[in-house]
């Protein structure tokens, strides 16, 4: 969670020069993806979005935690077994 998210439930910050909350970056990416579809239908967008978010999220958190699965799972707020299953599903490490 971004610092701005903790103080303001809608994610806006009153601090000058504050970084945009993660949800704004995600929203921009989703808008760009939908625009790039150029009228084509997309099936399973929810599954695609989860996969596209989880893969880099897990990889970056694992790197941050020096590959320690227990620390990474704790940081992510999930059980270590869940992290390992997802890593296996996605072919990560």
C-alpha atoms as a PDB file:
ATOM      1  CA  UNK A   1       0.000   0.000   0.000  1.00  0.00           C
ATOM      2  CA  UNK A   2       1.300   3.430  -0.849  1.00  0.00           C
ATOM      3  CA  UNK A   3       1.729   5.993   1.892  1.00  0.00           C
ATOM      4  CA  UNK A   4      -0.983   8.103   0.256  1.00  0.00           C
ATOM      5  CA  UNK A   5      -3.371   5.127   0.358  1.00  0.00           C
ATOM      6  CA  UNK A   6      -3.047   4.831   4.140  1.00  0.00           C
ATOM      7  CA  UNK A   7      -4.069   8.422   4.820  1.00  0.00           C
ATOM      8  CA  UNK A   8      -6.759   8.819   2.183  1.00  0.00           C
ATOM      9  CA  UNK A   9      -9.127   5.993   1.237  1.00  0.00           C
ATOM     10  CA  UNK A  10      -9.542   7.250  -2.327  1.00  0.00           C
ATOM     11  CA  UNK A  11      -5.817   7.524  -2.861  1.00  0.00           C
ATOM     12  CA  UNK A  12      -5.364  11.239  -3.405  1.00  0.00           C
ATOM     13  CA  UNK A  13      -2.671  12.959  -1.430  1.00  0.00           C
ATOM     14  CA  UNK A  14      -2.496  16.509  -0.169  1.00  0.00           C
ATOM     15  CA  UNK A  15       1.306  16.535  -0.108  1.00  0.00           C
ATOM     16  CA  UNK A  16       2.951  18.506  -2.876  1.00  0.00           C
ATOM     17  CA  UNK A  17       4.997  16.272  -5.142  1.00  0.00           C
ATOM     18  CA  UNK A  18       3.523  13.046  -3.731  1.00  0.00           C
ATOM     19  CA  UNK A  19       3.780   9.984  -5.920  1.00  0.00           C
ATOM     20  CA  UNK A  20       0.658   8.682  -7.587  1.00  0.00           C
ATOM     21  CA  UNK A  21      -0.852   5.650  -5.854  1.00  0.00           C
ATOM     22  CA  UNK A  22      -0.293   2.273  -7.471  1.00  0.00           C
ATOM     23  CA  UNK A  23      -3.974   2.109  -8.469  1.00  0.00           C
ATOM     24  CA  UNK A  24      -3.479   5.105 -10.773  1.00  0.00           C
ATOM     25  CA  UNK A  25      -0.638   3.349 -12.577  1.00  0.00           C
ATOM     26  CA  UNK A  26      -2.768   0.213 -12.870  1.00  0.00           C
ATOM     27  CA  UNK A  27      -5.755   2.209 -14.151  1.00  0.00           C
ATOM     28  CA  UNK A  28      -3.560   3.890 -16.786  1.00  0.00           C
ATOM     29  CA  UNK A  29      -2.215   0.519 -17.906  1.00  0.00           C
ATOM     30  CA  UNK A  30      -5.700  -0.991 -18.122  1.00  0.00           C
ATOM     31  CA  UNK A  31      -6.960   1.994 -20.126  1.00  0.00           C
ATOM     32  CA  UNK A  32      -4.004   1.673 -22.520  1.00  0.00           C
ATOM     33  CA  UNK A  33      -4.560  -2.091 -22.871  1.00  0.00           C
ATOM     34  CA  UNK A  34      -8.260  -1.626 -23.625  1.00  0.00           C
ATOM     35  CA  UNK A  35      -7.479   1.134 -26.127  1.00  0.00           C
ATOM     36  CA  UNK A  36      -4.880  -1.104 -27.792  1.00  0.00           C
ATOM     37  CA  UNK A  37      -7.505  -3.833 -28.261  1.00  0.00           C
ATOM     38  CA  UNK A  38      -8.905  -1.480 -30.920  1.00  0.00           C
ATOM     39  CA  UNK A  39     -12.425  -2.876 -30.780  1.00  0.00           C
ATOM     40  CA  UNK A  40     -11.450  -6.531 -30.424  1.00  0.00           C
ATOM     41  CA  UNK A  41     -13.092  -8.510 -27.652  1.00  0.00           C
ATOM     42  CA  UNK A  42     -11.054  -9.798 -24.753  1.00  0.00           C
ATOM     43  CA  UNK A  43     -12.007 -12.918 -22.855  1.00  0.00           C
ATOM     44  CA  UNK A  44     -10.785 -13.720 -19.357  1.00  0.00           C
ATOM     45  CA  UNK A  45      -9.514 -10.184 -18.791  1.00  0.00           C
ATOM     46  CA  UNK A  46      -9.662 -10.720 -15.024  1.00  0.00           C
ATOM     47  CA  UNK A  47      -7.368 -13.768 -15.222  1.00  0.00           C
ATOM     48  CA  UNK A  48      -5.043 -11.990 -17.653  1.00  0.00           C
ATOM     49  CA  UNK A  49      -4.813  -8.942 -15.384  1.00  0.00           C
ATOM     50  CA  UNK A  50      -4.125 -11.031 -12.273  1.00  0.00           C
ATOM     51  CA  UNK A  51      -1.391 -12.990 -14.026  1.00  0.00           C
ATOM     52  CA  UNK A  52       0.173  -9.860 -15.490  1.00  0.00           C
ATOM     53  CA  UNK A  53       0.217  -8.221 -12.058  1.00  0.00           C
ATOM     54  CA  UNK A  54       1.199 -11.226  -9.959  1.00  0.00           C
ATOM     55  CA  UNK A  55       4.191 -12.348 -12.014  1.00  0.00           C
ATOM     56  CA  UNK A  56       6.198  -9.104 -11.687  1.00  0.00           C
ATOM     57  CA  UNK A  57       4.863  -8.502  -8.170  1.00  0.00           C
ATOM     58  CA  UNK A  58       6.111 -11.871  -6.935  1.00  0.00           C
ATOM     59  CA  UNK A  59       9.399 -11.584  -8.822  1.00  0.00           C
ATOM     60  CA  UNK A  60      10.158  -8.113  -7.459  1.00  0.00           C
ATOM     61  CA  UNK A  61       9.159  -8.956  -3.877  1.00  0.00           C
ATOM     62  CA  UNK A  62      11.260 -12.129  -3.988  1.00  0.00           C
ATOM     63  CA  UNK A  63      14.221 -10.115  -5.253  1.00  0.00           C
ATOM     64  CA  UNK A  64      13.629  -7.537  -2.520  1.00  0.00           C
ATOM     65  CA  UNK A  65      13.577 -10.353   0.054  1.00  0.00           C
ATOM     66  CA  UNK A  66      16.742 -11.958  -1.388  1.00  0.00           C
ATOM     67  CA  UNK A  67      14.758 -15.012  -2.488  1.00  0.00           C
ATOM     68  CA  UNK A  68      13.435 -15.764   1.000  1.00  0.00           C
ATOM     69  CA  UNK A  69       9.975 -17.234   0.410  1.00  0.00           C
ATOM     70  CA  UNK A  70       8.829 -16.811   4.007  1.00  0.00           C
ATOM     71  CA  UNK A  71       9.715 -13.109   4.072  1.00  0.00           C
ATOM     72  CA  UNK A  72       8.230 -12.541   0.616  1.00  0.00           C
ATOM     73  CA  UNK A  73       4.975 -14.280   1.558  1.00  0.00           C
ATOM     74  CA  UNK A  74       4.759 -12.233   4.758  1.00  0.00           C
ATOM     75  CA  UNK A  75       5.361  -9.018   2.805  1.00  0.00           C
ATOM     76  CA  UNK A  76       2.663 -10.002   0.305  1.00  0.00           C
ATOM     77  CA  UNK A  77       0.253 -10.989   3.071  1.00  0.00           C
ATOM     78  CA  UNK A  78      -0.195 -14.532   1.765  1.00  0.00           C
ATOM     79  CA  UNK A  79       0.771 -17.967   3.043  1.00  0.00           C
ATOM     80  CA  UNK A  80       4.134 -19.322   1.896  1.00  0.00           C
ATOM     81  CA  UNK A  81       2.416 -22.351   0.338  1.00  0.00           C
ATOM     82  CA  UNK A  82       0.220 -20.017  -1.725  1.00  0.00           C
ATOM     83  CA  UNK A  83       3.291 -18.132  -2.924  1.00  0.00           C
ATOM     84  CA  UNK A  84       5.019 -21.384  -3.907  1.00  0.00           C
ATOM     85  CA  UNK A  85       1.938 -22.680  -5.733  1.00  0.00           C
ATOM     86  CA  UNK A  86       1.582 -19.442  -7.684  1.00  0.00           C
ATOM     87  CA  UNK A  87       5.298 -19.467  -8.504  1.00  0.00           C
ATOM     88  CA  UNK A  88       4.949 -23.016  -9.814  1.00  0.00           C
ATOM     89  CA  UNK A  89       1.839 -22.076 -11.820  1.00  0.00           C
ATOM     90  CA  UNK A  90       3.644 -19.106 -13.384  1.00  0.00           C
ATOM     91  CA  UNK A  91       6.998 -20.853 -13.832  1.00  0.00           C
ATOM     92  CA  UNK A  92       8.798 -18.405 -11.570  1.00  0.00           C
ATOM     93  CA  UNK A  93      12.128 -19.490 -10.024  1.00  0.00           C
END
